[in-house]
Amino acid sequence: MYVTAEIRDLIGRKGPVRSAVEPLSHDRLRRFNQAAMEPDIPSPLGGLPYRRDEMAPPLWPLHAFVRLVDDPDPLDVLLKDPELDGTYGAGDTGLPPVDIPLKRILNGGVSAEFFAQPEIGDVVHAQSEYVDIAEREGRSGPMVIVAIRTTYTNQHGRLLCRVTNSFIRR
């Protein structure tokens, strides 16, 4: 049994509030929209058209957290271990690790809820929490499914979105 009482106690545990290093600017939004080939489209949060130079797409808060120029590339670890699989480098949540011997990680799915779109000048804040840790028996043996929900707000506390990622450890 991998999910002990100590690991179960992580459910509901929140990490620190993390802040993006810079606000959403016209330049950052322009570059993001060009890279994502994002056209002017109706907003999925109310049906009214939005101009792509004024508001960011609903999932942009996930991309607000960029590494600084002098920060090491998190994928450099692959140079030391090219067999590394799963979601390494997917982002820092600030949560304590789920200490189990199952090391292989698979993406178990993502769900998102949208509440408001980021606007020019918004500084995105994120806080992650464990919402579930469950053990299952799969075709290839035991697995532990870890669900982490991250809540994104702006500098005024306005709720932008909630994203839940599930990771399968096997």
N, C-alpha and C. Protein backbone atom coordinates (compact mmCIF):
# COMPACT_ATOMS: atom_id res chain seq x y z
N MET A 1 0.86 -1.18 0.00
CA MET A 1 0.00 0.00 0.00
C MET A 1 0.90 1.24 0.00
N TYR A 2 0.71 2.10 -1.00
CA TYR A 2 1.55 3.28 -1.15
C TYR A 2 0.96 4.51 -0.48
N VAL A 3 -0.37 4.63 -0.48
CA VAL A 3 -1.00 5.81 0.09
C VAL A 3 -1.23 5.57 1.58
N THR A 4 -0.30 6.07 2.35
CA THR A 4 -0.35 5.94 3.81
C THR A 4 -1.17 7.08 4.40
N ALA A 5 -1.41 7.01 5.70
CA ALA A 5 -2.13 8.10 6.39
C ALA A 5 -1.35 9.40 6.25
N GLU A 6 -0.02 9.32 6.30
CA GLU A 6 0.81 10.53 6.16
C GLU A 6 0.63 11.16 4.78
N ILE A 7 0.57 10.34 3.75
CA ILE A 7 0.37 10.86 2.39
C ILE A 7 -1.05 11.38 2.24
N ARG A 8 -2.03 10.68 2.81
CA ARG A 8 -3.42 11.14 2.75
C ARG A 8 -3.57 12.51 3.42
N ASP A 9 -2.75 12.76 4.44
CA ASP A 9 -2.80 14.05 5.13
C ASP A 9 -2.39 15.22 4.23
N LEU A 10 -1.76 14.93 3.09
CA LEU A 10 -1.40 16.00 2.15
C LEU A 10 -2.63 16.57 1.44
N ILE A 11 -3.70 15.80 1.36
CA ILE A 11 -4.92 16.27 0.68
C ILE A 11 -5.44 17.51 1.41
N GLY A 12 -5.65 18.56 0.67
CA GLY A 12 -6.09 19.83 1.24
C GLY A 12 -4.92 20.76 1.54
N ARG A 13 -3.71 20.24 1.49
CA ARG A 13 -2.52 21.06 1.76
C ARG A 13 -2.29 22.02 0.61
N LYS A 14 -2.08 23.29 0.93
CA LYS A 14 -1.85 24.32 -0.08
C LYS A 14 -0.39 24.74 -0.08
N GLY A 15 0.08 25.04 -1.25
CA GLY A 15 1.43 25.59 -1.39
C GLY A 15 1.38 27.10 -1.22
N PRO A 16 2.52 27.75 -1.32
CA PRO A 16 2.55 29.20 -1.19
C PRO A 16 1.90 29.89 -2.39
N VAL A 17 1.48 31.11 -2.19
CA VAL A 17 0.99 31.92 -3.31
C VAL A 17 2.23 32.38 -4.08
N ARG A 18 2.23 32.09 -5.37
CA ARG A 18 3.34 32.49 -6.24
C ARG A 18 2.86 33.63 -7.13
N SER A 19 3.73 34.58 -7.39
CA SER A 19 3.38 35.74 -8.23
C SER A 19 4.24 35.75 -9.48
N ALA A 20 3.61 36.07 -10.60
CA ALA A 20 4.36 36.24 -11.84
C ALA A 20 5.34 37.39 -11.65
N VAL A 21 6.47 37.31 -12.33
CA VAL A 21 7.50 38.33 -12.13
C VAL A 21 7.19 39.65 -12.81
N GLU A 22 6.27 39.64 -13.75
CA GLU A 22 5.90 40.90 -14.41
C GLU A 22 4.44 40.86 -14.81
N PRO A 23 3.82 42.04 -14.93
CA PRO A 23 2.40 42.08 -15.32
C PRO A 23 2.22 41.77 -16.80
N LEU A 24 0.99 41.46 -17.15
CA LEU A 24 0.65 41.28 -18.56
C LEU A 24 0.78 42.63 -19.25
N SER A 25 1.61 42.68 -20.26
CA SER A 25 1.82 43.92 -21.02
C SER A 25 1.32 43.69 -22.45
N HIS A 26 1.17 44.78 -23.17
CA HIS A 26 0.77 44.67 -24.58
C HIS A 26 1.78 43.82 -25.34
N ASP A 27 3.08 44.01 -25.06
CA ASP A 27 4.11 43.27 -25.78
C ASP A 27 4.05 41.77 -25.47
N ARG A 28 3.91 41.42 -24.19
CA ARG A 28 3.82 40.00 -23.82
C ARG A 28 2.58 39.36 -24.45
N LEU A 29 1.48 40.08 -24.42
CA LEU A 29 0.24 39.55 -24.99
C LEU A 29 0.37 39.39 -26.50
N ARG A 30 0.97 40.38 -27.17
CA ARG A 30 1.17 40.30 -28.62
C ARG A 30 2.03 39.08 -28.97
N ARG A 31 3.12 38.89 -28.24
CA ARG A 31 4.01 37.76 -28.52
C ARG A 31 3.30 36.43 -28.27
N PHE A 32 2.54 36.35 -27.18
CA PHE A 32 1.80 35.12 -26.88
C PHE A 32 0.80 34.82 -27.98
N ASN A 33 0.01 35.82 -28.37
CA ASN A 33 -1.01 35.61 -29.39
C ASN A 33 -0.41 35.24 -30.73
N GLN A 34 0.74 35.82 -31.06
CA GLN A 34 1.41 35.43 -32.31
C GLN A 34 1.87 33.99 -32.24
N ALA A 35 2.48 33.60 -31.13
CA ALA A 35 2.98 32.23 -30.99
C ALA A 35 1.85 31.22 -31.00
N ALA A 36 0.72 31.57 -30.38
CA ALA A 36 -0.43 30.66 -30.32
C ALA A 36 -1.35 30.80 -31.52
N MET A 37 -1.01 31.74 -32.43
CA MET A 37 -1.85 32.03 -33.60
C MET A 37 -3.29 32.31 -33.16
N GLU A 38 -3.42 33.09 -32.10
CA GLU A 38 -4.71 33.42 -31.49
C GLU A 38 -5.37 34.57 -32.26
N PRO A 39 -6.51 34.33 -32.90
CA PRO A 39 -7.20 35.41 -33.63
C PRO A 39 -8.12 36.20 -32.70
N ASP A 40 -8.69 37.29 -33.21
CA ASP A 40 -9.77 37.97 -32.49
C ASP A 40 -10.99 37.05 -32.56
N ILE A 41 -11.44 36.58 -31.41
CA ILE A 41 -12.55 35.63 -31.37
C ILE A 41 -13.52 36.04 -30.29
N PRO A 42 -14.75 35.51 -30.32
CA PRO A 42 -15.67 35.79 -29.21
C PRO A 42 -15.12 35.22 -27.92
N SER A 43 -15.32 35.92 -26.84
CA SER A 43 -14.87 35.46 -25.53
C SER A 43 -15.67 34.25 -25.11
N PRO A 44 -15.00 33.18 -24.63
CA PRO A 44 -15.75 32.03 -24.11
C PRO A 44 -16.40 32.34 -22.76
N LEU A 45 -16.16 33.53 -22.23
CA LEU A 45 -16.70 33.90 -20.92
C LEU A 45 -17.81 34.93 -21.05
N GLY A 46 -18.66 34.78 -22.01
CA GLY A 46 -19.77 35.71 -22.11
C GLY A 46 -20.21 35.99 -23.53
N GLY A 47 -19.47 35.48 -24.50
CA GLY A 47 -19.89 35.60 -25.88
C GLY A 47 -19.58 36.94 -26.54
N LEU A 48 -19.15 37.94 -25.79
CA LEU A 48 -18.83 39.22 -26.41
C LEU A 48 -17.44 39.15 -27.02
N PRO A 49 -17.25 39.75 -28.19
CA PRO A 49 -15.92 39.71 -28.80
C PRO A 49 -14.91 40.45 -27.92
N TYR A 50 -13.71 39.96 -27.92
CA TYR A 50 -12.64 40.69 -27.24
C TYR A 50 -11.50 40.88 -28.21
N ARG A 51 -10.83 41.99 -28.07
CA ARG A 51 -9.69 42.26 -28.93
C ARG A 51 -8.47 41.61 -28.31
N ARG A 52 -7.73 40.92 -29.13
CA ARG A 52 -6.60 40.18 -28.60
C ARG A 52 -5.47 41.08 -28.12
N ASP A 53 -5.57 42.38 -28.31
CA ASP A 53 -4.54 43.27 -27.77
C ASP A 53 -4.97 43.90 -26.45
N GLU A 54 -6.15 43.53 -25.93
CA GLU A 54 -6.66 44.09 -24.67
C GLU A 54 -6.80 43.05 -23.56
N MET A 55 -7.19 41.83 -23.94
CA MET A 55 -7.42 40.77 -22.96
C MET A 55 -6.73 39.50 -23.43
N ALA A 56 -6.26 38.73 -22.47
CA ALA A 56 -5.58 37.49 -22.80
C ALA A 56 -6.58 36.35 -22.91
N PRO A 57 -6.23 35.31 -23.66
CA PRO A 57 -7.08 34.12 -23.69
C PRO A 57 -7.19 33.52 -22.28
N PRO A 58 -8.26 32.80 -22.01
CA PRO A 58 -8.51 32.31 -20.64
C PRO A 58 -7.41 31.46 -20.03
N LEU A 59 -6.66 30.70 -20.82
CA LEU A 59 -5.59 29.88 -20.25
C LEU A 59 -4.25 30.60 -20.14
N TRP A 60 -4.20 31.87 -20.51
CA TRP A 60 -2.92 32.59 -20.45
C TRP A 60 -2.32 32.61 -19.04
N PRO A 61 -3.09 32.65 -17.96
CA PRO A 61 -2.46 32.68 -16.64
C PRO A 61 -1.44 31.57 -16.41
N LEU A 62 -1.62 30.43 -17.04
CA LEU A 62 -0.65 29.35 -16.90
C LEU A 62 0.70 29.71 -17.51
N HIS A 63 0.68 30.62 -18.45
CA HIS A 63 1.91 31.02 -19.14
C HIS A 63 2.51 32.30 -18.57
N ALA A 64 1.90 32.84 -17.52
CA ALA A 64 2.40 34.07 -16.92
C ALA A 64 3.68 33.85 -16.14
N PHE A 65 3.95 32.60 -15.79
CA PHE A 65 5.10 32.28 -14.95
C PHE A 65 6.26 31.85 -15.82
N VAL A 66 7.09 32.82 -16.17
CA VAL A 66 8.25 32.56 -17.01
C VAL A 66 9.50 32.61 -16.15
N ARG A 67 10.51 31.89 -16.57
CA ARG A 67 11.76 31.93 -15.80
C ARG A 67 12.53 33.18 -16.17
N LEU A 68 13.27 33.67 -15.21
CA LEU A 68 14.09 34.86 -15.43
C LEU A 68 15.28 34.52 -16.31
N VAL A 69 15.91 35.54 -16.87
CA VAL A 69 17.02 35.35 -17.79
C VAL A 69 18.14 34.51 -17.17
N ASP A 70 18.46 34.73 -15.92
CA ASP A 70 19.57 34.02 -15.27
C ASP A 70 19.17 32.69 -14.64
N ASP A 71 17.89 32.35 -14.66
CA ASP A 71 17.45 31.08 -14.07
C ASP A 71 17.87 29.91 -14.96
N PRO A 72 18.25 28.79 -14.35
CA PRO A 72 18.61 27.62 -15.16
C PRO A 72 17.39 27.05 -15.87
N ASP A 73 17.64 26.44 -17.01
CA ASP A 73 16.57 25.79 -17.76
C ASP A 73 16.18 24.50 -17.02
N PRO A 74 14.92 24.35 -16.61
CA PRO A 74 14.53 23.15 -15.86
C PRO A 74 14.68 21.87 -16.66
N LEU A 75 14.73 21.96 -17.98
CA LEU A 75 14.86 20.76 -18.79
C LEU A 75 16.32 20.32 -18.95
N ASP A 76 17.26 21.09 -18.41
CA ASP A 76 18.67 20.68 -18.45
C ASP A 76 18.89 19.37 -17.72
N VAL A 77 18.00 19.01 -16.81
CA VAL A 77 18.11 17.74 -16.09
C VAL A 77 18.06 16.57 -17.06
N LEU A 78 17.45 16.75 -18.22
CA LEU A 78 17.39 15.69 -19.22
C LEU A 78 18.77 15.36 -19.78
N LEU A 79 19.71 16.30 -19.72
CA LEU A 79 21.07 16.02 -20.16
C LEU A 79 21.72 14.97 -19.28
N LYS A 80 21.36 14.97 -18.00
CA LYS A 80 21.90 13.99 -17.05
C LYS A 80 21.13 12.69 -17.08
N ASP A 81 19.83 12.75 -17.37
CA ASP A 81 18.99 11.55 -17.37
C ASP A 81 18.02 11.60 -18.54
N PRO A 82 18.47 11.19 -19.74
CA PRO A 82 17.60 11.25 -20.91
C PRO A 82 16.42 10.29 -20.84
N GLU A 83 16.42 9.36 -19.90
CA GLU A 83 15.32 8.42 -19.74
C GLU A 83 14.18 9.00 -18.89
N LEU A 84 14.39 10.19 -18.35
CA LEU A 84 13.39 10.80 -17.48
C LEU A 84 12.08 10.93 -18.23
N ASP A 85 11.00 10.50 -17.60
CA ASP A 85 9.71 10.57 -18.28
C ASP A 85 8.74 11.43 -17.49
N GLY A 86 7.55 11.56 -18.02
CA GLY A 86 6.49 12.22 -17.28
C GLY A 86 6.50 13.72 -17.42
N THR A 87 6.26 14.39 -16.31
CA THR A 87 5.99 15.82 -16.34
C THR A 87 7.10 16.65 -15.72
N TYR A 88 8.34 16.14 -15.73
CA TYR A 88 9.41 16.92 -15.13
C TYR A 88 9.48 18.28 -15.82
N GLY A 89 9.62 19.34 -15.04
CA GLY A 89 9.71 20.68 -15.59
C GLY A 89 8.36 21.28 -15.90
N ALA A 90 7.28 20.63 -15.48
CA ALA A 90 5.94 21.14 -15.79
C ALA A 90 5.59 22.36 -14.95
N GLY A 91 6.38 22.67 -13.98
CA GLY A 91 6.12 23.85 -13.18
C GLY A 91 6.30 23.58 -11.70
N ASP A 92 6.64 24.61 -10.98
CA ASP A 92 6.85 24.50 -9.55
C ASP A 92 5.56 24.89 -8.85
N THR A 93 5.04 24.01 -8.01
CA THR A 93 3.81 24.29 -7.29
C THR A 93 4.08 24.77 -5.88
N GLY A 94 5.27 24.49 -5.36
CA GLY A 94 5.58 24.81 -3.98
C GLY A 94 5.02 23.80 -2.99
N LEU A 95 4.37 22.76 -3.50
CA LEU A 95 3.81 21.73 -2.63
C LEU A 95 4.89 20.74 -2.21
N PRO A 96 4.75 20.14 -1.02
CA PRO A 96 5.70 19.11 -0.64
C PRO A 96 5.55 17.90 -1.56
N PRO A 97 6.62 17.15 -1.78
CA PRO A 97 6.51 16.00 -2.67
C PRO A 97 5.68 14.88 -2.07
N VAL A 98 5.06 14.10 -2.95
CA VAL A 98 4.37 12.87 -2.53
C VAL A 98 5.45 11.80 -2.54
N ASP A 99 5.90 11.41 -1.35
CA ASP A 99 7.05 10.54 -1.22
C ASP A 99 6.64 9.07 -1.30
N ILE A 100 6.62 8.56 -2.54
CA ILE A 100 6.32 7.15 -2.78
C ILE A 100 7.36 6.62 -3.76
N PRO A 101 7.60 5.31 -3.75
CA PRO A 101 8.64 4.76 -4.63
C PRO A 101 8.25 4.62 -6.09
N LEU A 102 7.02 4.96 -6.45
CA LEU A 102 6.60 4.89 -7.85
C LEU A 102 7.13 6.12 -8.57
N LYS A 103 8.08 5.95 -9.47
CA LYS A 103 8.79 7.09 -10.06
C LYS A 103 8.31 7.49 -11.45
N ARG A 104 7.71 6.57 -12.18
CA ARG A 104 7.25 6.91 -13.53
C ARG A 104 5.98 7.76 -13.41
N ILE A 105 5.92 8.82 -14.20
CA ILE A 105 4.79 9.75 -14.12
C ILE A 105 4.14 9.88 -15.50
N LEU A 106 2.81 9.78 -15.50
CA LEU A 106 2.03 9.99 -16.71
C LEU A 106 1.02 11.10 -16.47
N ASN A 107 0.68 11.81 -17.52
CA ASN A 107 -0.37 12.81 -17.42
C ASN A 107 -1.71 12.08 -17.34
N GLY A 108 -2.46 12.32 -16.28
CA GLY A 108 -3.74 11.67 -16.10
C GLY A 108 -4.92 12.53 -16.52
N GLY A 109 -4.65 13.72 -17.04
CA GLY A 109 -5.72 14.58 -17.51
C GLY A 109 -5.68 15.96 -16.89
N VAL A 110 -6.36 16.88 -17.55
CA VAL A 110 -6.42 18.27 -17.12
C VAL A 110 -7.85 18.75 -17.28
N SER A 111 -8.33 19.49 -16.30
CA SER A 111 -9.63 20.14 -16.43
C SER A 111 -9.47 21.59 -16.00
N ALA A 112 -10.29 22.46 -16.54
CA ALA A 112 -10.17 23.88 -16.23
C ALA A 112 -11.55 24.52 -16.10
N GLU A 113 -11.63 25.48 -15.19
CA GLU A 113 -12.82 26.31 -15.02
C GLU A 113 -12.37 27.75 -15.24
N PHE A 114 -13.14 28.52 -16.00
CA PHE A 114 -12.78 29.89 -16.31
C PHE A 114 -13.77 30.86 -15.68
N PHE A 115 -13.24 31.96 -15.13
CA PHE A 115 -14.09 32.93 -14.45
C PHE A 115 -13.94 34.34 -15.01
N ALA A 116 -12.72 34.74 -15.36
CA ALA A 116 -12.47 36.06 -15.93
C ALA A 116 -11.20 35.99 -16.78
N GLN A 117 -11.10 36.89 -17.74
CA GLN A 117 -9.91 36.91 -18.57
C GLN A 117 -8.92 37.94 -18.05
N PRO A 118 -7.63 37.60 -18.08
CA PRO A 118 -6.61 38.57 -17.65
C PRO A 118 -6.60 39.79 -18.57
N GLU A 119 -6.37 40.95 -17.96
CA GLU A 119 -6.32 42.19 -18.72
C GLU A 119 -4.92 42.78 -18.64
N ILE A 120 -4.63 43.70 -19.55
CA ILE A 120 -3.34 44.38 -19.54
C ILE A 120 -3.13 44.99 -18.15
N GLY A 121 -1.95 44.78 -17.59
CA GLY A 121 -1.61 45.29 -16.27
C GLY A 121 -1.80 44.29 -15.15
N ASP A 122 -2.54 43.21 -15.41
CA ASP A 122 -2.76 42.20 -14.37
C ASP A 122 -1.46 41.47 -14.04
N VAL A 123 -1.24 41.28 -12.76
CA VAL A 123 -0.17 40.41 -12.26
C VAL A 123 -0.85 39.14 -11.78
N VAL A 124 -0.47 38.02 -12.34
CA VAL A 124 -1.12 36.75 -12.02
C VAL A 124 -0.49 36.15 -10.77
N HIS A 125 -1.35 35.64 -9.89
CA HIS A 125 -0.93 34.91 -8.69
C HIS A 125 -1.50 33.50 -8.80
N ALA A 126 -0.77 32.53 -8.30
CA ALA A 126 -1.21 31.14 -8.36
C ALA A 126 -0.97 30.46 -7.02
N GLN A 127 -1.90 29.60 -6.64
CA GLN A 127 -1.73 28.78 -5.45
C GLN A 127 -2.24 27.38 -5.76
N SER A 128 -1.41 26.38 -5.49
CA SER A 128 -1.74 25.00 -5.78
C SER A 128 -2.08 24.27 -4.49
N GLU A 129 -2.90 23.23 -4.64
CA GLU A 129 -3.23 22.39 -3.49
C GLU A 129 -3.50 20.97 -3.97
N TYR A 130 -3.21 20.02 -3.09
CA TYR A 130 -3.56 18.64 -3.36
C TYR A 130 -5.05 18.48 -3.12
N VAL A 131 -5.78 18.00 -4.13
CA VAL A 131 -7.21 17.78 -3.96
C VAL A 131 -7.57 16.31 -3.84
N ASP A 132 -6.68 15.43 -4.29
CA ASP A 132 -6.93 14.00 -4.12
C ASP A 132 -5.63 13.23 -4.34
N ILE A 133 -5.47 12.16 -3.59
CA ILE A 133 -4.38 11.21 -3.78
C ILE A 133 -4.99 9.84 -3.56
N ALA A 134 -5.06 9.06 -4.64
CA ALA A 134 -5.76 7.77 -4.56
C ALA A 134 -4.92 6.67 -5.18
N GLU A 135 -5.01 5.50 -4.59
CA GLU A 135 -4.30 4.34 -5.10
C GLU A 135 -5.26 3.45 -5.87
N ARG A 136 -4.80 2.94 -7.01
CA ARG A 136 -5.61 2.05 -7.84
C ARG A 136 -4.71 0.90 -8.34
N GLU A 137 -5.36 -0.14 -8.76
CA GLU A 137 -4.64 -1.24 -9.39
C GLU A 137 -4.88 -1.15 -10.88
N GLY A 138 -3.81 -1.03 -11.66
CA GLY A 138 -3.92 -0.94 -13.11
C GLY A 138 -3.50 -2.24 -13.76
N ARG A 139 -3.58 -2.29 -15.09
CA ARG A 139 -3.17 -3.50 -15.81
C ARG A 139 -1.70 -3.83 -15.59
N SER A 140 -0.88 -2.79 -15.42
CA SER A 140 0.55 -3.03 -15.24
C SER A 140 0.97 -3.00 -13.77
N GLY A 141 0.00 -2.97 -12.86
CA GLY A 141 0.33 -2.99 -11.44
C GLY A 141 -0.25 -1.79 -10.72
N PRO A 142 0.25 -1.56 -9.51
CA PRO A 142 -0.31 -0.47 -8.70
C PRO A 142 0.04 0.90 -9.28
N MET A 143 -0.86 1.84 -9.03
CA MET A 143 -0.61 3.23 -9.44
C MET A 143 -1.26 4.15 -8.42
N VAL A 144 -0.69 5.35 -8.33
CA VAL A 144 -1.22 6.37 -7.44
C VAL A 144 -1.56 7.58 -8.30
N ILE A 145 -2.79 8.06 -8.17
CA ILE A 145 -3.23 9.22 -8.94
C ILE A 145 -3.24 10.43 -8.00
N VAL A 146 -2.47 11.45 -8.39
CA VAL A 146 -2.33 12.66 -7.59
C VAL A 146 -2.99 13.80 -8.36
N ALA A 147 -3.99 14.43 -7.76
CA ALA A 147 -4.68 15.56 -8.40
C ALA A 147 -4.28 16.85 -7.69
N ILE A 148 -3.81 17.81 -8.48
CA ILE A 148 -3.39 19.11 -7.97
C ILE A 148 -4.22 20.18 -8.65
N ARG A 149 -4.89 21.00 -7.85
CA ARG A 149 -5.67 22.13 -8.39
C ARG A 149 -4.91 23.41 -8.13
N THR A 150 -4.76 24.22 -9.17
CA THR A 150 -4.10 25.51 -9.05
C THR A 150 -5.13 26.60 -9.35
N THR A 151 -5.23 27.54 -8.42
CA THR A 151 -6.16 28.67 -8.56
C THR A 151 -5.35 29.89 -8.97
N TYR A 152 -5.79 30.55 -10.04
CA TYR A 152 -5.13 31.73 -10.58
C TYR A 152 -6.00 32.95 -10.33
N THR A 153 -5.40 33.99 -9.75
CA THR A 153 -6.10 35.25 -9.50
C THR A 153 -5.23 36.39 -10.02
N ASN A 154 -5.81 37.59 -10.05
CA ASN A 154 -4.98 38.75 -10.39
C ASN A 154 -4.59 39.47 -9.10
N GLN A 155 -3.93 40.61 -9.23
CA GLN A 155 -3.41 41.34 -8.07
C GLN A 155 -4.51 41.87 -7.16
N HIS A 156 -5.73 41.91 -7.64
CA HIS A 156 -6.87 42.37 -6.83
C HIS A 156 -7.64 41.21 -6.21
N GLY A 157 -7.15 39.98 -6.41
CA GLY A 157 -7.84 38.81 -5.89
C GLY A 157 -8.96 38.31 -6.78
N ARG A 158 -9.11 38.90 -7.96
CA ARG A 158 -10.16 38.46 -8.89
C ARG A 158 -9.81 37.08 -9.42
N LEU A 159 -10.75 36.14 -9.30
CA LEU A 159 -10.55 34.77 -9.74
C LEU A 159 -10.53 34.72 -11.27
N LEU A 160 -9.43 34.21 -11.83
CA LEU A 160 -9.30 34.09 -13.28
C LEU A 160 -9.66 32.68 -13.75
N CYS A 161 -9.01 31.67 -13.16
CA CYS A 161 -9.32 30.29 -13.54
C CYS A 161 -8.80 29.33 -12.48
N ARG A 162 -9.31 28.11 -12.55
CA ARG A 162 -8.82 27.00 -11.73
C ARG A 162 -8.51 25.85 -12.68
N VAL A 163 -7.32 25.29 -12.52
CA VAL A 163 -6.89 24.19 -13.38
C VAL A 163 -6.50 23.01 -12.50
N THR A 164 -7.07 21.85 -12.80
CA THR A 164 -6.74 20.64 -12.05
C THR A 164 -5.98 19.69 -12.96
N ASN A 165 -4.78 19.32 -12.51
CA ASN A 165 -3.93 18.37 -13.23
C ASN A 165 -3.90 17.07 -12.44
N SER A 166 -4.07 15.96 -13.13
CA SER A 166 -3.94 14.65 -12.49
C SER A 166 -2.69 13.98 -13.04
N PHE A 167 -1.89 13.44 -12.12
CA PHE A 167 -0.66 12.75 -12.49
C PHE A 167 -0.76 11.32 -12.00
N ILE A 168 -0.41 10.39 -12.86
CA ILE A 168 -0.43 8.98 -12.51
C ILE A 168 0.99 8.54 -12.24
N ARG A 169 1.23 8.09 -11.02
CA ARG A 169 2.55 7.56 -10.64
C ARG A 169 2.46 6.05 -10.70
N ARG A 170 3.40 5.43 -11.38
CA ARG A 170 3.40 3.97 -11.46
C ARG A 170 4.82 3.45 -11.46
